[in-house]
């Protein structure tokens, strides 16, 4: 039976520590970390996620603002809004909540955010820093996974890791962060041949493929660490991950639940990177 990785509990502890660091920053430097989230439209899932970000930021002592704009906003208007916050020194982190309406070029929006304020880590400059081995801003979900793995004492050096999913948000940066810790990494995806066999070779299996209960016991070797990034709903409307938890949990040594696993750590890393961005302004 696997040990559950309590992402929610770890996130709470880290956010309490962050609140103490923010209080110290205010006292020593008179600086309050500022985070602005721009939400385009009224996608229900985005509304919930942005609300969680705002509550966590305020609880940690941040200056937090959510700018809600209609999905009819033009690309030019959205870029102008981003430009406004790029030059506002009271904000150290800018996040544009995805997805965006079809008439807006997502790449143009990500490019418009100053790399120094890109706390989501999606700007090509920050991606390049990550791939060159000099990360500054890192996509928050992979960063959160690395923090969980470290907190639970998982040894990565020399281990075999398989990442199922090749997105720029999770799969690719996850692979690089694991390689930085000297794991041997394979990126797989829905079209990978003999995927269950490949996955069974993994000491650490990270699943971010976006399909409910895609990974079954046939994908997991005994004793593997299983990280489930998915957030789906099953046929009964219940939240579930990309991993069939009931099948896989008896085989794994460590496993993340859904919910309560990776999700809370994503928000924690967003706040941590905003704090670090504010600290860099102190050191200039």
Foldseek 3Di string as FASTA:
>chain_A
DADELQLQVVLVVLLVVLLVVQVVCCVPPVAAQEEEEEEEACDPVLVVLVVVLQVSQVVSPHHYYYHYYYLPDAQVVLLVVLVVVQPPPNYQAYHYDDDHDPRHDPLVNLCSHDPLRHQQQQHPVQVVCLQVPRHQRAHLLLVLVVVSCVVVPPQLAAFEEEEEDDDPRPQPSNQSVSVSSHHHYDYHYPPDPPQLVVLQRGLEYEYDHADFQQAACSNHAAAHAYEFPAWDADPVRHTATPHPCVRNVVRYHYYYGPPRGSVSSSSSSSSVSSVVSSVVVVVD
